Amino acid sequence: MPSTEQTVLVTGATGFIGSRLVPELVDRGFRVKAMTRHPDTYDGPGEPVGGDVSDPGTLAEPLEGVDVAVYLVHSLDDDDFERKDAEAAKAFGLAAAASGTRQIVYLGGLGKDDDHLSAHLRSRREVERLLGESGVPVTVLRAAIVVGAGGISWEMTGQLVKNLPAMVVPKWAATRTQPIALDDVIRYLAGVVGVEDAFGRAFEIGGPEVLSYVEMLQQAAEVIDGRRVPIVTVPVLTPKLSSYWISFVTNVDTTTGRNLIDSMGTEVIVTDHSIRDVVPGEPITYAEAVRRAVEEDPSLVE
């Protein structure tokens, strides 16, 4: 068991994952530094600290005295995200090593290394490597779609179900994936903080079901308003055209939509369940994850 006297830095503390992880770590008794570019306006739990992973000169101060750093930053809404994320990860790894940080925890993307990975998933792998290049042990949790209010992938799913009586979807919608509830992601992230058995290891995390994107849309529709959405699959909708369609029907911007959609042709399924040895417990179902997301953000059913 890790000592709760440890200090944990959470980057991206106001984001989708970070804003849920900080209070969980505080509840577990850790001293938590919540890193944000705007600490003066931060009103969550933990100690607000200023820092920006794209500006290496700002990292020494927030990392001072930190035992574990949780890295939750990406630039998916930028056309040049691969370069920017690589530079940020390398700088953060160097700063963490200089400060004596003992562990970096990173939420990466699920997918086999020998697959033809999309730019998004390829970037996640590169970030894993670069974070640890300076010698700090990295614990990676690799996940597919995270289902929770405020998550881009979930918001895209929920808004499609809400806004369309029927859908024409591209062939990638038949690809299988393993969505995971936000609550389980937080449980796993908090569960590996400071745990030496997790140092230097990559874990795959997912929910209990393997579903196609079509099946996810159908189940979400049944939970949200009790209906079954007619869905027709067509072979000619490219990722670029799909991203324009997504941005038209939802509030997800075209760049983010295209980078996400580009990954959806890759099957991402958990094949290694060793995380259960470090963080025991059964993950919740996709339908229950959808119910919790809707409960937190009822606008999807209004």
Protein backbone atom coordinates (compact mmCIF):
# COMPACT_ATOMS: atom_id res chain seq x y z
CA MET A 1 0.00 0.00 0.00
CA PRO A 2 1.34 3.47 -0.87
CA SER A 3 1.85 6.02 1.86
CA THR A 4 -0.81 8.73 1.79
CA GLU A 5 1.84 11.13 3.03
CA GLN A 6 3.04 11.30 -0.56
CA THR A 7 2.55 14.41 -2.66
CA VAL A 8 0.83 13.90 -6.02
CA LEU A 9 0.83 16.40 -8.88
CA VAL A 10 -2.12 16.13 -11.27
CA THR A 11 -1.60 17.87 -14.60
CA GLY A 12 -4.73 18.86 -16.49
CA ALA A 13 -6.47 19.21 -13.14
CA THR A 14 -9.47 21.04 -14.61
CA GLY A 15 -9.96 18.58 -17.48
CA PHE A 16 -12.35 15.68 -18.01
CA ILE A 17 -10.24 13.14 -16.07
CA GLY A 18 -8.22 15.43 -13.83
CA SER A 19 -11.22 17.21 -12.32
CA ARG A 20 -12.52 13.82 -11.10
CA LEU A 21 -9.16 12.39 -10.08
CA VAL A 22 -8.07 15.28 -7.83
CA PRO A 23 -10.98 14.90 -5.36
CA GLU A 24 -10.55 11.12 -5.34
CA LEU A 25 -6.89 11.42 -4.39
CA VAL A 26 -7.70 14.05 -1.75
CA ASP A 27 -10.34 11.72 -0.30
CA ARG A 28 -7.72 8.97 -0.13
CA GLY A 29 -5.50 11.20 1.99
CA PHE A 30 -2.84 12.28 -0.49
CA ARG A 31 -1.48 15.80 -0.60
CA VAL A 32 -2.52 16.88 -4.08
CA LYS A 33 -1.15 19.66 -6.24
CA ALA A 34 -3.63 20.60 -8.98
CA MET A 35 -1.65 21.95 -11.93
CA THR A 36 -3.36 24.37 -14.27
CA ARG A 37 -2.37 27.27 -16.49
CA HIS A 38 -4.75 29.48 -14.49
CA PRO A 39 -4.24 28.69 -10.78
CA ASP A 40 -5.82 31.97 -9.70
CA THR A 41 -9.22 30.86 -10.95
CA TYR A 42 -9.01 27.23 -9.79
CA ASP A 43 -11.76 26.47 -7.28
CA GLY A 44 -11.46 22.70 -6.87
CA PRO A 45 -9.87 20.64 -4.10
CA GLY A 46 -6.14 20.30 -3.67
CA GLU A 47 -3.46 23.00 -3.85
CA PRO A 48 -3.56 24.97 -7.12
CA VAL A 49 -0.18 25.38 -8.82
CA GLY A 50 0.63 27.12 -12.09
CA GLY A 51 2.30 25.24 -14.91
CA ASP A 52 2.09 24.59 -18.64
CA VAL A 53 3.58 21.45 -20.20
CA SER A 54 4.22 23.38 -23.42
CA ASP A 55 6.47 25.80 -21.49
CA PRO A 56 9.29 23.79 -19.83
CA GLY A 57 10.35 26.79 -17.76
CA THR A 58 7.11 26.60 -15.76
CA LEU A 59 7.49 22.97 -14.64
CA ALA A 60 10.18 23.01 -11.94
CA GLU A 61 8.09 24.84 -9.35
CA PRO A 62 4.93 22.65 -9.49
CA LEU A 63 7.06 19.47 -9.48
CA GLU A 64 9.05 20.50 -6.40
CA GLY A 65 8.58 17.92 -3.63
CA VAL A 66 6.33 15.74 -5.79
CA ASP A 67 6.48 11.96 -5.33
CA VAL A 68 4.05 11.00 -8.09
CA ALA A 69 3.03 13.01 -11.17
CA VAL A 70 -0.13 12.14 -13.09
CA TYR A 71 0.11 13.21 -16.72
CA LEU A 72 -3.29 13.89 -18.33
CA VAL A 73 -2.42 16.38 -21.07
CA HIS A 74 -2.89 16.12 -24.84
CA SER A 75 -3.36 18.42 -27.84
CA LEU A 76 -5.99 16.47 -29.79
CA ASP A 77 -7.69 19.66 -30.94
CA ASP A 78 -4.55 20.77 -32.79
CA ASP A 79 -3.52 19.69 -36.30
CA ASP A 80 0.09 19.52 -35.10
CA PHE A 81 -0.72 17.50 -31.99
CA GLU A 82 1.88 14.76 -32.55
CA ARG A 83 4.82 17.17 -32.45
CA LYS A 84 3.40 19.26 -29.61
CA ASP A 85 2.56 16.26 -27.43
CA ALA A 86 6.01 14.73 -28.03
CA GLU A 87 7.83 17.93 -27.06
CA ALA A 88 5.66 18.38 -23.96
CA ALA A 89 6.16 14.78 -22.80
CA LYS A 90 9.93 14.96 -23.21
CA ALA A 91 10.12 18.24 -21.28
CA PHE A 92 7.88 16.94 -18.51
CA GLY A 93 9.93 13.74 -18.13
CA LEU A 94 13.13 15.78 -17.82
CA ALA A 95 11.58 18.11 -15.24
CA ALA A 96 10.18 15.19 -13.23
CA ALA A 97 13.58 13.50 -13.15
CA ALA A 98 15.28 16.72 -12.05
CA SER A 99 12.80 17.14 -9.20
CA GLY A 100 13.27 13.58 -7.89
CA THR A 101 9.75 12.41 -8.77
CA ARG A 102 9.50 8.65 -8.19
CA GLN A 103 6.66 7.78 -10.57
CA ILE A 104 4.75 9.21 -13.53
CA VAL A 105 1.23 7.88 -14.17
CA TYR A 106 -0.08 8.31 -17.70
CA LEU A 107 -3.46 7.57 -19.29
CA GLY A 108 -2.70 6.30 -22.78
CA GLY A 109 -4.58 4.61 -25.59
CA LEU A 110 -5.47 0.94 -26.00
CA GLY A 111 -4.22 -0.90 -29.09
CA LYS A 112 -1.62 -3.51 -30.00
CA ASP A 113 1.85 -2.20 -30.74
CA ASP A 114 2.06 -4.32 -33.90
CA ASP A 115 -1.18 -2.89 -35.32
CA HIS A 116 -1.24 -0.14 -37.92
CA LEU A 117 -1.95 2.52 -35.33
CA SER A 118 -3.64 5.81 -36.15
CA ALA A 119 -1.75 9.06 -35.63
CA HIS A 120 -3.67 9.54 -32.36
CA LEU A 121 -2.75 6.12 -30.93
CA ARG A 122 0.79 6.31 -32.32
CA SER A 123 1.22 9.63 -30.52
CA ARG A 124 -0.01 8.13 -27.25
CA ARG A 125 2.66 5.42 -27.53
CA GLU A 126 5.34 8.00 -28.23
CA VAL A 127 4.27 10.01 -25.18
CA GLU A 128 4.60 6.88 -23.03
CA ARG A 129 8.18 6.42 -24.22
CA LEU A 130 9.22 10.06 -23.95
CA LEU A 131 7.82 10.52 -20.45
CA GLY A 132 10.16 7.79 -19.19
CA GLU A 133 13.18 8.67 -21.32
CA SER A 134 14.82 10.56 -18.44
CA GLY A 135 14.59 7.61 -16.09
CA VAL A 136 11.44 8.18 -14.00
CA PRO A 137 9.39 4.94 -13.90
CA VAL A 138 6.16 5.40 -15.86
CA THR A 139 2.91 3.57 -15.12
CA VAL A 140 0.68 3.55 -18.19
CA LEU A 141 -3.03 2.78 -18.19
CA ARG A 142 -4.18 2.17 -21.76
CA ALA A 143 -7.89 2.76 -22.35
CA ALA A 144 -10.28 2.93 -25.30
CA ILE A 145 -13.37 5.17 -25.09
CA VAL A 146 -13.97 6.61 -21.63
CA VAL A 147 -17.70 6.98 -20.94
CA GLY A 148 -18.55 9.92 -18.71
CA ALA A 149 -20.10 13.39 -18.80
CA GLY A 150 -17.68 15.86 -20.35
CA GLY A 151 -15.62 13.29 -22.27
CA ILE A 152 -15.28 14.08 -25.98
CA SER A 153 -16.00 10.53 -27.19
CA TRP A 154 -19.04 10.20 -24.96
CA GLU A 155 -20.34 13.67 -25.81
CA MET A 156 -20.08 12.76 -29.49
CA THR A 157 -22.04 9.53 -28.92
CA GLY A 158 -24.70 11.14 -26.75
CA GLN A 159 -25.29 14.09 -29.07
CA LEU A 160 -25.59 11.84 -32.12
CA VAL A 161 -28.24 9.78 -30.34
CA LYS A 162 -30.08 12.86 -29.14
CA ASN A 163 -29.99 14.81 -32.40
CA LEU A 164 -30.62 12.16 -35.03
CA PRO A 165 -33.76 9.98 -35.46
CA ALA A 166 -31.71 7.69 -37.73
CA MET A 167 -28.06 7.46 -38.77
CA VAL A 168 -25.92 6.63 -41.78
CA VAL A 169 -22.53 5.60 -40.43
CA PRO A 170 -19.22 4.60 -42.10
CA LYS A 171 -17.86 1.07 -42.11
CA TRP A 172 -15.54 1.83 -39.16
CA ALA A 173 -18.66 1.87 -36.96
CA ALA A 174 -18.55 -1.93 -37.05
CA THR A 175 -15.09 -1.96 -35.43
CA ARG A 176 -15.01 -3.56 -31.99
CA THR A 177 -13.82 -1.64 -28.95
CA GLN A 178 -13.96 -1.96 -25.16
CA PRO A 179 -15.41 1.19 -23.58
CA ILE A 180 -14.76 1.91 -19.92
CA ALA A 181 -16.69 3.94 -17.38
CA LEU A 182 -15.16 7.16 -16.09
CA ASP A 183 -15.59 5.88 -12.51
CA ASP A 184 -13.44 2.84 -13.31
CA VAL A 185 -10.73 4.95 -14.97
CA ILE A 186 -10.52 7.10 -11.84
CA ARG A 187 -10.44 3.98 -9.64
CA TYR A 188 -7.56 2.51 -11.66
CA LEU A 189 -5.58 5.76 -11.83
CA ALA A 190 -5.88 6.38 -8.10
CA GLY A 191 -5.17 2.71 -7.44
CA VAL A 192 -1.72 2.74 -9.05
CA VAL A 193 -0.48 6.02 -7.54
CA GLY A 194 2.58 5.28 -5.43
CA VAL A 195 2.25 1.50 -5.87
CA GLU A 196 5.73 0.13 -6.57
CA ASP A 197 4.34 -3.03 -8.20
CA ALA A 198 3.01 -0.72 -10.92
CA PHE A 199 6.27 1.18 -11.57
CA GLY A 200 7.52 0.84 -15.13
CA ARG A 201 4.51 -1.16 -16.34
CA ALA A 202 1.78 -0.67 -18.94
CA PHE A 203 -1.71 -1.95 -18.10
CA GLU A 204 -4.75 -2.37 -20.32
CA ILE A 205 -8.05 -1.23 -18.83
CA GLY A 206 -11.57 -1.64 -20.13
CA GLY A 207 -15.14 -2.38 -19.21
CA PRO A 208 -16.64 -5.88 -19.14
CA GLU A 209 -18.03 -5.81 -22.71
CA VAL A 210 -16.59 -5.76 -26.20
CA LEU A 211 -18.92 -3.69 -28.41
CA SER A 212 -18.94 -2.22 -31.91
CA TYR A 213 -19.55 1.51 -32.23
CA VAL A 214 -22.97 0.67 -33.71
CA GLU A 215 -23.82 -1.39 -30.62
CA MET A 216 -22.65 1.45 -28.38
CA LEU A 217 -24.94 3.89 -30.20
CA GLN A 218 -27.86 1.47 -29.92
CA GLN A 219 -27.35 0.85 -26.21
CA ALA A 220 -26.91 4.55 -25.52
CA ALA A 221 -30.18 5.32 -27.33
CA GLU A 222 -32.02 2.71 -25.28
CA VAL A 223 -30.69 4.17 -22.02
CA ILE A 224 -31.21 7.82 -23.00
CA ASP A 225 -34.76 7.64 -24.33
CA GLY A 226 -35.78 4.00 -24.60
CA ARG A 227 -35.69 3.82 -28.40
CA ARG A 228 -33.77 1.85 -30.97
CA VAL A 229 -32.06 4.05 -33.56
CA PRO A 230 -32.19 2.88 -37.20
CA ILE A 231 -28.56 2.71 -38.39
CA VAL A 232 -27.32 2.08 -41.93
CA THR A 233 -23.62 1.40 -42.59
CA VAL A 234 -22.05 2.71 -45.81
CA PRO A 235 -18.53 2.02 -47.13
CA VAL A 236 -17.62 5.43 -48.56
CA LEU A 237 -17.64 7.91 -45.66
CA THR A 238 -13.97 8.86 -45.17
CA PRO A 239 -12.58 10.08 -41.82
CA LYS A 240 -12.44 13.63 -43.22
CA LEU A 241 -16.07 13.55 -44.38
CA SER A 242 -17.08 11.84 -41.13
CA SER A 243 -15.45 14.64 -39.10
CA TYR A 244 -17.42 17.27 -41.02
CA TRP A 245 -20.61 15.31 -40.37
CA ILE A 246 -19.76 15.00 -36.66
CA SER A 247 -19.03 18.73 -36.32
CA PHE A 248 -22.31 19.55 -38.07
CA VAL A 249 -24.47 17.31 -35.85
CA THR A 250 -22.56 17.78 -32.55
CA ASN A 251 -20.46 20.50 -30.91
CA VAL A 252 -17.22 18.49 -31.38
CA ASP A 253 -14.86 20.55 -33.56
CA THR A 254 -13.70 19.16 -36.91
CA THR A 255 -10.03 18.71 -35.95
CA THR A 256 -10.78 16.80 -32.75
CA GLY A 257 -13.46 14.75 -34.51
CA ARG A 258 -11.11 13.80 -37.34
CA ASN A 259 -8.31 12.78 -34.95
CA LEU A 260 -10.71 10.61 -32.94
CA ILE A 261 -12.42 9.08 -35.97
CA ASP A 262 -9.02 8.25 -37.46
CA SER A 263 -8.53 5.84 -34.53
CA MET A 264 -11.91 4.17 -34.79
CA GLY A 265 -10.88 1.80 -37.56
CA THR A 266 -8.45 0.09 -35.17
CA GLU A 267 -9.86 -2.68 -32.99
CA VAL A 268 -8.96 -1.93 -29.37
CA ILE A 269 -9.67 -4.76 -26.94
CA VAL A 270 -8.13 -5.68 -23.58
CA THR A 271 -5.95 -8.80 -23.86
CA ASP A 272 -3.99 -8.43 -20.62
CA HIS A 273 -5.96 -8.32 -17.37
CA SER A 274 -3.00 -7.89 -14.99
CA ILE A 275 -4.40 -4.57 -13.71
CA ARG A 276 -6.83 -6.67 -11.65
CA ASP A 277 -3.87 -7.96 -9.61
CA VAL A 278 -2.86 -4.41 -8.68
CA VAL A 279 -6.30 -2.79 -8.46
CA PRO A 280 -8.93 -5.46 -7.75
CA GLY A 281 -12.61 -4.98 -8.53
CA GLU A 282 -15.13 -5.54 -11.30
CA PRO A 283 -15.66 -2.73 -13.85
CA ILE A 284 -19.21 -1.55 -14.46
CA THR A 285 -21.17 -2.20 -17.67
CA TYR A 286 -21.45 0.17 -20.61
CA ALA A 287 -25.17 0.70 -20.00
CA GLU A 288 -24.51 1.63 -16.37
CA ALA A 289 -21.72 3.97 -17.45
CA VAL A 290 -24.16 5.67 -19.84
CA ARG A 291 -26.77 5.99 -17.08
CA ARG A 292 -24.24 7.66 -14.79
CA ALA A 293 -23.11 10.03 -17.55
CA VAL A 294 -26.71 11.04 -18.26
CA GLU A 295 -27.41 11.48 -14.55
CA GLU A 296 -24.44 13.86 -14.29
CA ASP A 297 -25.40 15.72 -17.47
CA PRO A 298 -29.19 15.50 -18.00
CA SER A 299 -29.04 17.84 -21.02
CA LEU A 300 -28.71 14.77 -23.24
CA VAL A 301 -32.26 13.72 -22.41
CA GLU A 302 -33.89 17.13 -22.26
